[in-house]
Amino acid sequence: MLIDTFGRVATDLRVSLTDRCNLRCTYCMPEEGLQWLAKPDLLTDDEIVRLIEIAVTSLGITEVRFTGGEPLLRPGLVGIVERVAALAPRPQMSLTTNGIGLKRTATALKAAGLDRVNVSLDTLRPDVFKTLTRRDRHKDVIEGLEAARDAGLTPVKVNSVLMPGLNQDEAPDLLAWAVEHDYELRFIEQMPLDAQHGWKREGMVTAGDILTSLRTRFDLTEEGADERGSAPAERWLVNGGPHRVGVIASVTRPFCSACDRTRLTADGQVRTCLFATEETDLRAALRSDAPDEEIARIWRLAMWGKKAGAGLDDPSFVQPERPMSAIGG
């Protein structure tokens, strides 16, 4: 198993399949994009599947989340999902996506064995979407969400980040829309993972701000810690249920003590935390023909050194150099 010195056990693996993205969200990367990883630096499909197999069969991983950049840009995605679905034991599989390519891929992903999707959508207003993402693709995301729901990739979860001066007034509208379309909405506090290092805590829309806004229109009943488990989102029943809304307060109410995640970057590095400044190289071991047992040993050692928390409340916090697009959300 993947255990650390604080007794936390990682059972949830986040796998970044690419650092590339077809949006340019203001809280993630600059308008001109980034210097992408060279193709030889990226893990191959076979290498990804091998590492996931080691994680599932030797290290106790039970859930796999495919991320990016934008994972739908990975040409071999459907094949990777199909091969991971054939593992024994079979892990639960989900995908975090911006939704742009879901209309054409949702059915194939479901057939390959994907269980569900998380789709990022920050606004219901096409003009605000274009400002936030620097791309005019709002309609594509809406259609992708519908395709995922129709294909049975449920529950379809929608992730929203609220930004001051842009969409911070949209929380109630987003929740009403999610309830109407049977999506599970989760608001995420903006995190310091932008390539421009422009994040400022004092300008952030907090979990408290979001809940105050939602309560102007909805009655929210907290589910409680027993229902939450190790999930990052605190959840509330909306008007008594059955619909729920979640808030991931990574900055103001961190959940590090219950973290059960380990992360694999697109170029084969283990990260113990989204905000980690250190990585452990598995790609070199793979390409030097190390046996599975040695790769598992390196992975265990990396997770053993996981820190107690992300340290966002520490004045000396140093933002990771690699942006979110390179390490997976």
C-alpha atoms as a PDB file:
ATOM      1  CA  MET A   1       0.000   0.000   0.000  1.00  0.00           C
ATOM      2  CA  LEU A   2       0.940   3.656  -0.304  1.00  0.00           C
ATOM      3  CA  ILE A   3       1.093   4.940   3.252  1.00  0.00           C
ATOM      4  CA  ASP A   4       2.757   8.051   4.628  1.00  0.00           C
ATOM      5  CA  THR A   5       4.239   8.918   7.999  1.00  0.00           C
ATOM      6  CA  PHE A   6       0.930  10.462   9.119  1.00  0.00           C
ATOM      7  CA  GLY A   7      -0.969   7.219   8.574  1.00  0.00           C
ATOM      8  CA  ARG A   8      -2.801   8.297   5.431  1.00  0.00           C
ATOM      9  CA  VAL A   9      -3.247   5.622   2.777  1.00  0.00           C
ATOM     10  CA  ALA A  10      -3.464   6.603  -0.898  1.00  0.00           C
ATOM     11  CA  THR A  11      -6.122   4.660  -2.804  1.00  0.00           C
ATOM     12  CA  ASP A  12      -6.959   7.295  -5.442  1.00  0.00           C
ATOM     13  CA  LEU A  13      -4.571   7.765  -8.390  1.00  0.00           C
ATOM     14  CA  ARG A  14      -4.733  10.879 -10.581  1.00  0.00           C
ATOM     15  CA  VAL A  15      -3.086  10.310 -13.972  1.00  0.00           C
ATOM     16  CA  SER A  16      -2.256  13.280 -16.200  1.00  0.00           C
ATOM     17  CA  LEU A  17      -2.347  12.049 -19.806  1.00  0.00           C
ATOM     18  CA  THR A  18      -1.096  15.250 -21.441  1.00  0.00           C
ATOM     19  CA  ASP A  19      -0.049  18.767 -20.513  1.00  0.00           C
ATOM     20  CA  ARG A  20      -1.800  20.222 -23.574  1.00  0.00           C
ATOM     21  CA  CYS A  21      -5.164  21.961 -23.478  1.00  0.00           C
ATOM     22  CA  ASN A  22      -7.479  23.534 -26.050  1.00  0.00           C
ATOM     23  CA  LEU A  23      -8.594  26.303 -23.671  1.00  0.00           C
ATOM     24  CA  ARG A  24      -6.569  29.110 -22.095  1.00  0.00           C
ATOM     25  CA  CYS A  25      -8.355  29.613 -18.774  1.00  0.00           C
ATOM     26  CA  THR A  26      -7.127  32.748 -17.040  1.00  0.00           C
ATOM     27  CA  TYR A  27      -6.566  30.923 -13.731  1.00  0.00           C
ATOM     28  CA  CYS A  28      -4.465  28.201 -15.346  1.00  0.00           C
ATOM     29  CA  MET A  29      -2.247  29.483 -18.170  1.00  0.00           C
ATOM     30  CA  PRO A  30      -1.327  32.571 -20.182  1.00  0.00           C
ATOM     31  CA  GLU A  31      -3.162  33.435 -23.403  1.00  0.00           C
ATOM     32  CA  GLU A  32      -0.234  32.358 -25.580  1.00  0.00           C
ATOM     33  CA  GLY A  33      -0.118  28.933 -23.927  1.00  0.00           C
ATOM     34  CA  LEU A  34       2.916  27.208 -22.476  1.00  0.00           C
ATOM     35  CA  GLN A  35       5.986  25.350 -23.611  1.00  0.00           C
ATOM     36  CA  TRP A  36       4.532  21.856 -24.036  1.00  0.00           C
ATOM     37  CA  LEU A  37       6.398  18.710 -23.108  1.00  0.00           C
ATOM     38  CA  ALA A  38       8.312  17.102 -25.953  1.00  0.00           C
ATOM     39  CA  LYS A  39       6.710  13.870 -27.191  1.00  0.00           C
ATOM     40  CA  PRO A  40       9.646  11.655 -26.086  1.00  0.00           C
ATOM     41  CA  ASP A  41       9.217  13.001 -22.543  1.00  0.00           C
ATOM     42  CA  LEU A  42       5.595  11.883 -22.356  1.00  0.00           C
ATOM     43  CA  LEU A  43       4.726   8.434 -21.092  1.00  0.00           C
ATOM     44  CA  THR A  44       3.567   6.087 -23.851  1.00  0.00           C
ATOM     45  CA  ASP A  45       0.210   4.331 -23.649  1.00  0.00           C
ATOM     46  CA  ASP A  46       1.959   1.111 -22.636  1.00  0.00           C
ATOM     47  CA  GLU A  47       3.920   2.891 -19.893  1.00  0.00           C
ATOM     48  CA  ILE A  48       0.780   4.505 -18.500  1.00  0.00           C
ATOM     49  CA  VAL A  49      -1.076   1.206 -18.383  1.00  0.00           C
ATOM     50  CA  ARG A  50       1.893  -0.539 -16.780  1.00  0.00           C
ATOM     51  CA  LEU A  51       2.156   2.060 -14.018  1.00  0.00           C
ATOM     52  CA  ILE A  52      -1.572   1.898 -13.358  1.00  0.00           C
ATOM     53  CA  GLU A  53      -1.385  -1.894 -13.229  1.00  0.00           C
ATOM     54  CA  ILE A  54       1.424  -1.702 -10.653  1.00  0.00           C
ATOM     55  CA  ALA A  55      -0.601   0.788  -8.640  1.00  0.00           C
ATOM     56  CA  VAL A  56      -3.740  -1.366  -8.719  1.00  0.00           C
ATOM     57  CA  THR A  57      -2.228  -4.812  -8.224  1.00  0.00           C
ATOM     58  CA  SER A  58       0.641  -3.990  -5.860  1.00  0.00           C
ATOM     59  CA  LEU A  59      -0.075  -0.655  -4.166  1.00  0.00           C
ATOM     60  CA  GLY A  60      -3.743  -0.746  -3.224  1.00  0.00           C
ATOM     61  CA  ILE A  61      -5.129   1.792  -5.695  1.00  0.00           C
ATOM     62  CA  THR A  62      -8.900   1.373  -6.164  1.00  0.00           C
ATOM     63  CA  GLU A  63      -9.780   4.556  -8.094  1.00  0.00           C
ATOM     64  CA  VAL A  64      -8.127   6.056 -11.181  1.00  0.00           C
ATOM     65  CA  ARG A  65      -8.909   9.563 -12.444  1.00  0.00           C
ATOM     66  CA  PHE A  66      -7.613  10.576 -15.883  1.00  0.00           C
ATOM     67  CA  THR A  67      -6.713  14.259 -16.093  1.00  0.00           C
ATOM     68  CA  GLY A  68      -4.616  16.639 -18.180  1.00  0.00           C
ATOM     69  CA  GLY A  69      -4.146  19.308 -19.420  1.00  0.00           C
ATOM     70  CA  GLU A  70      -7.144  18.102 -21.396  1.00  0.00           C
ATOM     71  CA  PRO A  71      -7.213  14.269 -21.423  1.00  0.00           C
ATOM     72  CA  LEU A  72      -9.536  14.077 -24.430  1.00  0.00           C
ATOM     73  CA  LEU A  73      -6.602  15.359 -26.506  1.00  0.00           C
ATOM     74  CA  ARG A  74      -4.743  12.091 -25.829  1.00  0.00           C
ATOM     75  CA  PRO A  75      -5.086  10.012 -29.035  1.00  0.00           C
ATOM     76  CA  GLY A  76      -4.936   6.674 -27.197  1.00  0.00           C
ATOM     77  CA  LEU A  77      -7.392   7.570 -24.431  1.00  0.00           C
ATOM     78  CA  VAL A  78     -10.144   5.073 -25.286  1.00  0.00           C
ATOM     79  CA  GLY A  79      -7.614   2.256 -25.572  1.00  0.00           C
ATOM     80  CA  ILE A  80      -6.035   3.163 -22.238  1.00  0.00           C
ATOM     81  CA  VAL A  81      -9.432   3.121 -20.543  1.00  0.00           C
ATOM     82  CA  GLU A  82     -10.274  -0.236 -22.097  1.00  0.00           C
ATOM     83  CA  ARG A  83      -6.997  -1.791 -20.932  1.00  0.00           C
ATOM     84  CA  VAL A  84      -7.321  -0.432 -17.394  1.00  0.00           C
ATOM     85  CA  ALA A  85     -10.906  -1.725 -17.234  1.00  0.00           C
ATOM     86  CA  ALA A  86      -9.537  -5.208 -17.921  1.00  0.00           C
ATOM     87  CA  LEU A  87      -7.262  -5.158 -14.849  1.00  0.00           C
ATOM     88  CA  ALA A  88      -7.999  -7.391 -11.885  1.00  0.00           C
ATOM     89  CA  PRO A  89      -9.032  -5.981  -9.534  1.00  0.00           C
ATOM     90  CA  ARG A  90     -10.792  -3.454 -11.739  1.00  0.00           C
ATOM     91  CA  PRO A  91     -10.460   0.117 -10.438  1.00  0.00           C
ATOM     92  CA  GLN A  92     -13.227   2.687 -10.612  1.00  0.00           C
ATOM     93  CA  MET A  93     -12.390   5.074 -13.474  1.00  0.00           C
ATOM     94  CA  SER A  94     -13.343   8.692 -14.001  1.00  0.00           C
ATOM     95  CA  LEU A  95     -12.204  11.557 -16.202  1.00  0.00           C
ATOM     96  CA  THR A  96     -11.783  15.283 -15.569  1.00  0.00           C
ATOM     97  CA  THR A  97     -12.309  17.250 -18.779  1.00  0.00           C
ATOM     98  CA  ASN A  98     -13.265  20.648 -20.132  1.00  0.00           C
ATOM     99  CA  GLY A  99     -16.008  18.836 -22.053  1.00  0.00           C
ATOM    100  CA  ILE A 100     -15.206  20.160 -25.512  1.00  0.00           C
ATOM    101  CA  GLY A 101     -14.593  16.710 -27.038  1.00  0.00           C
ATOM    102  CA  LEU A 102     -17.205  14.771 -25.059  1.00  0.00           C
ATOM    103  CA  LYS A 103     -19.964  14.962 -27.665  1.00  0.00           C
ATOM    104  CA  ARG A 104     -17.962  12.730 -30.007  1.00  0.00           C
ATOM    105  CA  THR A 105     -16.241  10.503 -27.420  1.00  0.00           C
ATOM    106  CA  ALA A 106     -18.704   9.917 -24.558  1.00  0.00           C
ATOM    107  CA  THR A 107     -20.281   6.781 -26.026  1.00  0.00           C
ATOM    108  CA  ALA A 108     -16.907   5.202 -26.864  1.00  0.00           C
ATOM    109  CA  LEU A 109     -15.515   6.005 -23.409  1.00  0.00           C
ATOM    110  CA  LYS A 110     -18.518   4.419 -21.719  1.00  0.00           C
ATOM    111  CA  ALA A 111     -18.190   1.313 -23.891  1.00  0.00           C
ATOM    112  CA  ALA A 112     -14.487   1.109 -23.018  1.00  0.00           C
ATOM    113  CA  GLY A 113     -15.303   1.035 -19.301  1.00  0.00           C
ATOM    114  CA  LEU A 114     -15.178   4.623 -18.045  1.00  0.00           C
ATOM    115  CA  ASP A 115     -17.549   5.041 -15.100  1.00  0.00           C
ATOM    116  CA  ARG A 116     -18.162   8.795 -14.941  1.00  0.00           C
ATOM    117  CA  VAL A 117     -16.869  12.283 -15.779  1.00  0.00           C
ATOM    118  CA  ASN A 118     -16.158  15.621 -14.114  1.00  0.00           C
ATOM    119  CA  VAL A 119     -16.618  18.545 -16.493  1.00  0.00           C
ATOM    120  CA  SER A 120     -15.282  22.046 -15.869  1.00  0.00           C
ATOM    121  CA  LEU A 121     -17.799  24.824 -16.545  1.00  0.00           C
ATOM    122  CA  ASP A 122     -17.513  28.139 -14.745  1.00  0.00           C
ATOM    123  CA  THR A 123     -20.364  30.119 -16.270  1.00  0.00           C
ATOM    124  CA  LEU A 124     -23.713  29.845 -18.053  1.00  0.00           C
ATOM    125  CA  ARG A 125     -22.990  32.982 -20.078  1.00  0.00           C
ATOM    126  CA  PRO A 126     -21.177  32.414 -23.407  1.00  0.00           C
ATOM    127  CA  ASP A 127     -19.581  35.871 -23.318  1.00  0.00           C
ATOM    128  CA  VAL A 128     -18.152  35.303 -19.839  1.00  0.00           C
ATOM    129  CA  PHE A 129     -16.970  31.839 -20.913  1.00  0.00           C
ATOM    130  CA  LYS A 130     -15.046  33.422 -23.773  1.00  0.00           C
ATOM    131  CA  THR A 131     -13.462  35.936 -21.397  1.00  0.00           C
ATOM    132  CA  LEU A 132     -12.488  33.248 -18.874  1.00  0.00           C
ATOM    133  CA  THR A 133     -11.194  30.663 -21.346  1.00  0.00           C
ATOM    134  CA  ARG A 134     -10.162  32.940 -24.248  1.00  0.00           C
ATOM    135  CA  ARG A 135     -12.066  30.564 -26.547  1.00  0.00           C
ATOM    136  CA  ASP A 136     -15.621  30.649 -27.958  1.00  0.00           C
ATOM    137  CA  ARG A 137     -16.551  27.038 -27.075  1.00  0.00           C
ATOM    138  CA  HIS A 138     -19.366  27.343 -24.530  1.00  0.00           C
ATOM    139  CA  LYS A 139     -21.876  25.501 -26.751  1.00  0.00           C
ATOM    140  CA  ASP A 140     -19.439  22.589 -27.166  1.00  0.00           C
ATOM    141  CA  VAL A 141     -19.156  22.140 -23.403  1.00  0.00           C
ATOM    142  CA  ILE A 142     -22.945  22.178 -22.928  1.00  0.00           C
ATOM    143  CA  GLU A 143     -23.340  19.569 -25.677  1.00  0.00           C
ATOM    144  CA  GLY A 144     -20.535  17.492 -24.173  1.00  0.00           C
ATOM    145  CA  LEU A 145     -22.271  17.454 -20.807  1.00  0.00           C
ATOM    146  CA  GLU A 146     -25.505  16.282 -22.405  1.00  0.00           C
ATOM    147  CA  ALA A 147     -23.653  13.545 -24.300  1.00  0.00           C
ATOM    148  CA  ALA A 148     -21.968  12.309 -21.121  1.00  0.00           C
ATOM    149  CA  ARG A 149     -25.289  12.139 -19.280  1.00  0.00           C
ATOM    150  CA  ASP A 150     -26.994  10.367 -22.195  1.00  0.00           C
ATOM    151  CA  ALA A 151     -24.129   7.856 -22.452  1.00  0.00           C
ATOM    152  CA  GLY A 152     -24.500   6.933 -18.773  1.00  0.00           C
ATOM    153  CA  LEU A 153     -21.260   8.479 -17.501  1.00  0.00           C
ATOM    154  CA  THR A 154     -23.048   9.345 -14.289  1.00  0.00           C
ATOM    155  CA  PRO A 155     -23.170  11.022 -11.931  1.00  0.00           C
ATOM    156  CA  VAL A 156     -21.980  13.826 -14.196  1.00  0.00           C
ATOM    157  CA  LYS A 157     -20.182  16.294 -11.953  1.00  0.00           C
ATOM    158  CA  VAL A 158     -19.670  19.909 -12.954  1.00  0.00           C
ATOM    159  CA  ASN A 159     -16.701  21.792 -11.489  1.00  0.00           C
ATOM    160  CA  SER A 160     -16.977  25.593 -11.277  1.00  0.00           C
ATOM    161  CA  VAL A 161     -14.444  28.217 -10.208  1.00  0.00           C
ATOM    162  CA  LEU A 162     -15.835  31.655  -9.382  1.00  0.00           C
ATOM    163  CA  MET A 163     -13.728  34.708 -10.172  1.00  0.00           C
ATOM    164  CA  PRO A 164     -14.191  38.262  -8.836  1.00  0.00           C
ATOM    165  CA  GLY A 165     -15.606  40.636 -11.391  1.00  0.00           C
ATOM    166  CA  LEU A 166     -16.437  37.878 -13.878  1.00  0.00           C
ATOM    167  CA  ASN A 167     -18.781  35.176 -12.635  1.00  0.00           C
ATOM    168  CA  GLN A 168     -18.891  35.453  -8.848  1.00  0.00           C
ATOM    169  CA  ASP A 169     -22.610  36.302  -8.991  1.00  0.00           C
ATOM    170  CA  GLU A 170     -23.518  33.094 -10.837  1.00  0.00           C
ATOM    171  CA  ALA A 171     -23.524  30.558  -8.006  1.00  0.00           C
ATOM    172  CA  PRO A 172     -27.332  30.375  -7.578  1.00  0.00           C
ATOM    173  CA  ASP A 173     -27.932  30.296 -11.348  1.00  0.00           C
ATOM    174  CA  LEU A 174     -25.373  27.522 -11.812  1.00  0.00           C
ATOM    175  CA  LEU A 175     -26.979  25.438  -9.080  1.00  0.00           C
ATOM    176  CA  ALA A 176     -30.506  25.908 -10.462  1.00  0.00           C
ATOM    177  CA  TRP A 177     -29.257  24.851 -13.905  1.00  0.00           C
ATOM    178  CA  ALA A 178     -27.412  21.802 -12.497  1.00  0.00           C
ATOM    179  CA  VAL A 179     -30.504  20.642 -10.600  1.00  0.00           C
ATOM    180  CA  GLU A 180     -32.634  21.064 -13.723  1.00  0.00           C
ATOM    181  CA  HIS A 181     -30.264  18.941 -15.833  1.00  0.00           C
ATOM    182  CA  ASP A 182     -29.448  16.366 -13.127  1.00  0.00           C
ATOM    183  CA  TYR A 183     -25.766  17.281 -12.804  1.00  0.00           C
ATOM    184  CA  GLU A 184     -23.929  17.401  -9.480  1.00  0.00           C
ATOM    185  CA  LEU A 185     -22.365  20.830  -9.097  1.00  0.00           C
ATOM    186  CA  ARG A 186     -19.145  21.418  -7.171  1.00  0.00           C
ATOM    187  CA  PHE A 187     -17.611  24.824  -6.610  1.00  0.00           C
ATOM    188  CA  ILE A 188     -13.825  24.916  -6.257  1.00  0.00           C
ATOM    189  CA  GLU A 189     -11.942  27.759  -4.619  1.00  0.00           C
ATOM    190  CA  GLN A 190      -9.398  29.235  -6.996  1.00  0.00           C
ATOM    191  CA  MET A 191      -6.001  27.717  -6.197  1.00  0.00           C
ATOM    192  CA  PRO A 192      -2.448  29.051  -6.695  1.00  0.00           C
ATOM    193  CA  LEU A 193      -1.636  26.946  -9.743  1.00  0.00           C
ATOM    194  CA  ASP A 194      -1.562  29.511 -12.536  1.00  0.00           C
ATOM    195  CA  ALA A 195       1.498  29.731 -14.748  1.00  0.00           C
ATOM    196  CA  GLN A 196       1.578  33.510 -14.376  1.00  0.00           C
ATOM    197  CA  HIS A 197       1.738  33.302 -10.537  1.00  0.00           C
ATOM    198  CA  GLY A 198      -0.937  35.971 -10.366  1.00  0.00           C
ATOM    199  CA  TRP A 199      -3.073  34.297  -7.687  1.00  0.00           C
ATOM    200  CA  LYS A 200      -3.804  36.366  -4.602  1.00  0.00           C
ATOM    201  CA  ARG A 201      -5.657  34.972  -1.616  1.00  0.00           C
ATOM    202  CA  GLU A 202      -7.308  38.286  -0.777  1.00  0.00           C
ATOM    203  CA  GLY A 203      -8.995  38.419  -4.190  1.00  0.00           C
ATOM    204  CA  MET A 204     -10.412  34.905  -4.054  1.00  0.00           C
ATOM    205  CA  VAL A 205     -14.110  33.979  -3.893  1.00  0.00           C
ATOM    206  CA  THR A 206     -14.170  31.782  -0.783  1.00  0.00           C
ATOM    207  CA  ALA A 207     -16.324  28.827   0.203  1.00  0.00           C
ATOM    208  CA  GLY A 208     -18.063  31.098   2.688  1.00  0.00           C
ATOM    209  CA  ASP A 209     -18.871  33.597  -0.060  1.00  0.00           C
ATOM    210  CA  ILE A 210     -20.277  30.816  -2.257  1.00  0.00           C
ATOM    211  CA  LEU A 211     -22.496  29.346   0.454  1.00  0.00           C
ATOM    212  CA  THR A 212     -23.829  32.760   1.423  1.00  0.00           C
ATOM    213  CA  SER A 213     -24.771  33.380  -2.202  1.00  0.00           C
ATOM    214  CA  LEU A 214     -26.428  29.967  -2.625  1.00  0.00           C
ATOM    215  CA  ARG A 215     -28.512  30.415   0.519  1.00  0.00           C
ATOM    216  CA  THR A 216     -30.191  33.473  -0.965  1.00  0.00           C
ATOM    217  CA  ARG A 217     -32.172  31.041  -3.139  1.00  0.00           C
ATOM    218  CA  PHE A 218     -31.784  27.528  -1.720  1.00  0.00           C
ATOM    219  CA  ASP A 219     -32.127  25.697   1.570  1.00  0.00           C
ATOM    220  CA  LEU A 220     -28.880  23.793   2.178  1.00  0.00           C
ATOM    221  CA  THR A 221     -28.533  20.893   4.643  1.00  0.00           C
ATOM    222  CA  GLU A 222     -24.977  19.746   5.340  1.00  0.00           C
ATOM    223  CA  GLU A 223     -24.391  16.019   4.779  1.00  0.00           C
ATOM    224  CA  GLY A 224     -21.715  15.716   7.435  1.00  0.00           C
ATOM    225  CA  ALA A 225     -18.306  14.091   7.859  1.00  0.00           C
ATOM    226  CA  ASP A 226     -19.547  10.486   7.746  1.00  0.00           C
ATOM    227  CA  GLU A 227     -20.977  10.955   4.257  1.00  0.00           C
ATOM    228  CA  ARG A 228     -17.935  12.915   3.077  1.00  0.00           C
ATOM    229  CA  GLY A 229     -15.236  10.409   4.024  1.00  0.00           C
ATOM    230  CA  SER A 230     -11.974  11.338   2.277  1.00  0.00           C
ATOM    231  CA  ALA A 231     -13.702  13.228  -0.553  1.00  0.00           C
ATOM    232  CA  PRO A 232     -12.432  16.794  -1.045  1.00  0.00           C
ATOM    233  CA  ALA A 233     -15.909  18.281  -1.392  1.00  0.00           C
ATOM    234  CA  GLU A 234     -18.106  19.214   1.535  1.00  0.00           C
ATOM    235  CA  ARG A 235     -21.641  18.511   0.326  1.00  0.00           C
ATOM    236  CA  TRP A 236     -25.087  19.900   1.066  1.00  0.00           C
ATOM    237  CA  LEU A 237     -28.556  18.592   0.190  1.00  0.00           C
ATOM    238  CA  VAL A 238     -30.398  21.145  -1.926  1.00  0.00           C
ATOM    239  CA  ASN A 239     -33.908  21.903  -0.647  1.00  0.00           C
ATOM    240  CA  GLY A 240     -33.965  18.600   1.218  1.00  0.00           C
ATOM    241  CA  GLY A 241     -32.581  16.488  -1.640  1.00  0.00           C
ATOM    242  CA  PRO A 242     -32.079  14.405  -3.626  1.00  0.00           C
ATOM    243  CA  HIS A 243     -29.810  16.858  -5.451  1.00  0.00           C
ATOM    244  CA  ARG A 244     -26.537  17.889  -3.835  1.00  0.00           C
ATOM    245  CA  VAL A 245     -24.034  20.683  -4.199  1.00  0.00           C
ATOM    246  CA  GLY A 246     -20.413  20.475  -3.135  1.00  0.00           C
ATOM    247  CA  VAL A 247     -17.752  23.009  -2.230  1.00  0.00           C
ATOM    248  CA  ILE A 248     -14.050  22.188  -2.393  1.00  0.00           C
ATOM    249  CA  ALA A 249     -12.401  24.697  -0.071  1.00  0.00           C
ATOM    250  CA  SER A 250      -8.776  23.808  -0.766  1.00  0.00           C
ATOM    251  CA  VAL A 251      -7.549  27.176   0.496  1.00  0.00           C
ATOM    252  CA  THR A 252      -9.820  28.231   3.363  1.00  0.00           C
ATOM    253  CA  ARG A 253     -10.808  24.788   4.709  1.00  0.00           C
ATOM    254  CA  PRO A 254      -8.076  22.375   3.564  1.00  0.00           C
ATOM    255  CA  PHE A 255      -8.758  18.640   3.806  1.00  0.00           C
ATOM    256  CA  CYS A 256      -5.146  17.456   3.843  1.00  0.00           C
ATOM    257  CA  SER A 257      -5.555  15.269   6.934  1.00  0.00           C
ATOM    258  CA  ALA A 258      -7.908  12.974   5.015  1.00  0.00           C
ATOM    259  CA  CYS A 259      -6.114  13.046   1.652  1.00  0.00           C
ATOM    260  CA  ASP A 260      -6.028   9.662  -0.103  1.00  0.00           C
ATOM    261  CA  ARG A 261      -4.445  10.707  -3.419  1.00  0.00           C
ATOM    262  CA  THR A 262      -1.276  10.059  -5.328  1.00  0.00           C
ATOM    263  CA  ARG A 263      -0.544  11.756  -8.639  1.00  0.00           C
ATOM    264  CA  LEU A 264       1.271  10.785 -11.809  1.00  0.00           C
ATOM    265  CA  THR A 265       2.302  13.514 -14.247  1.00  0.00           C
ATOM    266  CA  ALA A 266       2.230  13.129 -18.014  1.00  0.00           C
ATOM    267  CA  ASP A 267       6.003  12.721 -18.035  1.00  0.00           C
ATOM    268  CA  GLY A 268       6.053   9.997 -15.385  1.00  0.00           C
ATOM    269  CA  GLN A 269       6.704  11.854 -12.140  1.00  0.00           C
ATOM    270  CA  VAL A 270       5.028  10.963  -8.846  1.00  0.00           C
ATOM    271  CA  ARG A 271       3.615  13.947  -6.969  1.00  0.00           C
ATOM    272  CA  THR A 272       2.420  13.501  -3.414  1.00  0.00           C
ATOM    273  CA  CYS A 273       0.295  16.665  -3.547  1.00  0.00           C
ATOM    274  CA  LEU A 274      -1.066  19.065  -6.154  1.00  0.00           C
ATOM    275  CA  PHE A 275       1.013  21.779  -4.456  1.00  0.00           C
ATOM    276  CA  ALA A 276       4.196  19.731  -4.037  1.00  0.00           C
ATOM    277  CA  THR A 277       7.448  21.314  -5.165  1.00  0.00           C
ATOM    278  CA  GLU A 278       9.251  17.960  -5.402  1.00  0.00           C
ATOM    279  CA  GLU A 279       8.673  14.996  -7.708  1.00  0.00           C
ATOM    280  CA  THR A 280       9.919  11.406  -7.924  1.00  0.00           C
ATOM    281  CA  ASP A 281      10.848  10.017 -11.336  1.00  0.00           C
ATOM    282  CA  LEU A 282       9.226   6.725 -12.377  1.00  0.00           C
ATOM    283  CA  ARG A 283       9.822   7.199 -16.103  1.00  0.00           C
ATOM    284  CA  ALA A 284      13.560   6.620 -15.740  1.00  0.00           C
ATOM    285  CA  ALA A 285      12.929   3.373 -13.896  1.00  0.00           C
ATOM    286  CA  LEU A 286      10.457   2.247 -16.560  1.00  0.00           C
ATOM    287  CA  ARG A 287      12.874   2.985 -19.385  1.00  0.00           C
ATOM    288  CA  SER A 288      15.806   1.295 -17.668  1.00  0.00           C
ATOM    289  CA  ASP A 289      13.809  -1.952 -17.566  1.00  0.00           C
ATOM    290  CA  ALA A 290      13.335  -1.923 -13.791  1.00  0.00           C
ATOM    291  CA  PRO A 291      11.013  -4.707 -12.605  1.00  0.00           C
ATOM    292  CA  ASP A 292       7.570  -3.918 -11.260  1.00  0.00           C
ATOM    293  CA  GLU A 293       8.749  -4.562  -7.706  1.00  0.00           C
ATOM    294  CA  GLU A 294      11.411  -1.846  -7.977  1.00  0.00           C
ATOM    295  CA  ILE A 295       8.988   0.672  -9.431  1.00  0.00           C
ATOM    296  CA  ALA A 296       6.544  -0.090  -6.614  1.00  0.00           C
ATOM    297  CA  ARG A 297       9.339   0.404  -4.075  1.00  0.00           C
ATOM    298  CA  ILE A 298      10.214   3.832  -5.505  1.00  0.00           C
ATOM    299  CA  TRP A 299       6.547   4.831  -5.450  1.00  0.00           C
ATOM    300  CA  ARG A 300       6.109   3.710  -1.831  1.00  0.00           C
ATOM    301  CA  LEU A 301       9.187   5.657  -0.776  1.00  0.00           C
ATOM    302  CA  ALA A 302       7.906   8.802  -2.506  1.00  0.00           C
ATOM    303  CA  MET A 303       4.547   8.623  -0.730  1.00  0.00           C
ATOM    304  CA  TRP A 304       6.160   7.863   2.638  1.00  0.00           C
ATOM    305  CA  GLY A 305       7.675  11.351   2.490  1.00  0.00           C
ATOM    306  CA  LYS A 306       4.344  13.127   1.888  1.00  0.00           C
ATOM    307  CA  LYS A 307       4.010  16.322   3.929  1.00  0.00           C
ATOM    308  CA  ALA A 308       1.270  16.905   6.477  1.00  0.00           C
ATOM    309  CA  GLY A 309      -0.441  19.565   4.384  1.00  0.00           C
ATOM    310  CA  ALA A 310      -0.253  21.787   1.340  1.00  0.00           C
ATOM    311  CA  GLY A 311       0.793  24.773   3.441  1.00  0.00           C
ATOM    312  CA  LEU A 312      -1.473  27.325   1.754  1.00  0.00           C
ATOM    313  CA  ASP A 313      -2.006  29.026   5.114  1.00  0.00           C
ATOM    314  CA  ASP A 314       1.733  29.423   5.637  1.00  0.00           C
ATOM    315  CA  PRO A 315       3.077  32.908   4.753  1.00  0.00           C
ATOM    316  CA  SER A 316       6.174  31.213   3.321  1.00  0.00           C
ATOM    317  CA  PHE A 317       4.135  29.098   0.865  1.00  0.00           C
ATOM    318  CA  VAL A 318       5.912  28.732  -2.472  1.00  0.00           C
ATOM    319  CA  GLN A 319       3.745  28.122  -5.526  1.00  0.00           C
ATOM    320  CA  PRO A 320       4.758  25.078  -7.623  1.00  0.00           C
ATOM    321  CA  GLU A 321       6.653  26.031 -10.750  1.00  0.00           C
ATOM    322  CA  ARG A 322       4.667  23.644 -12.914  1.00  0.00           C
ATOM    323  CA  PRO A 323       1.141  24.948 -13.642  1.00  0.00           C
ATOM    324  CA  MET A 324      -1.990  22.872 -13.222  1.00  0.00           C
ATOM    325  CA  SER A 325      -2.024  21.961 -16.914  1.00  0.00           C
ATOM    326  CA  ALA A 326       1.262  20.094 -16.481  1.00  0.00           C
ATOM    327  CA  ILE A 327       0.480  18.179 -13.288  1.00  0.00           C
ATOM    328  CA  GLY A 328      -3.220  17.340 -13.459  1.00  0.00           C
ATOM    329  CA  GLY A 329      -6.137  18.726 -11.509  1.00  0.00           C
END
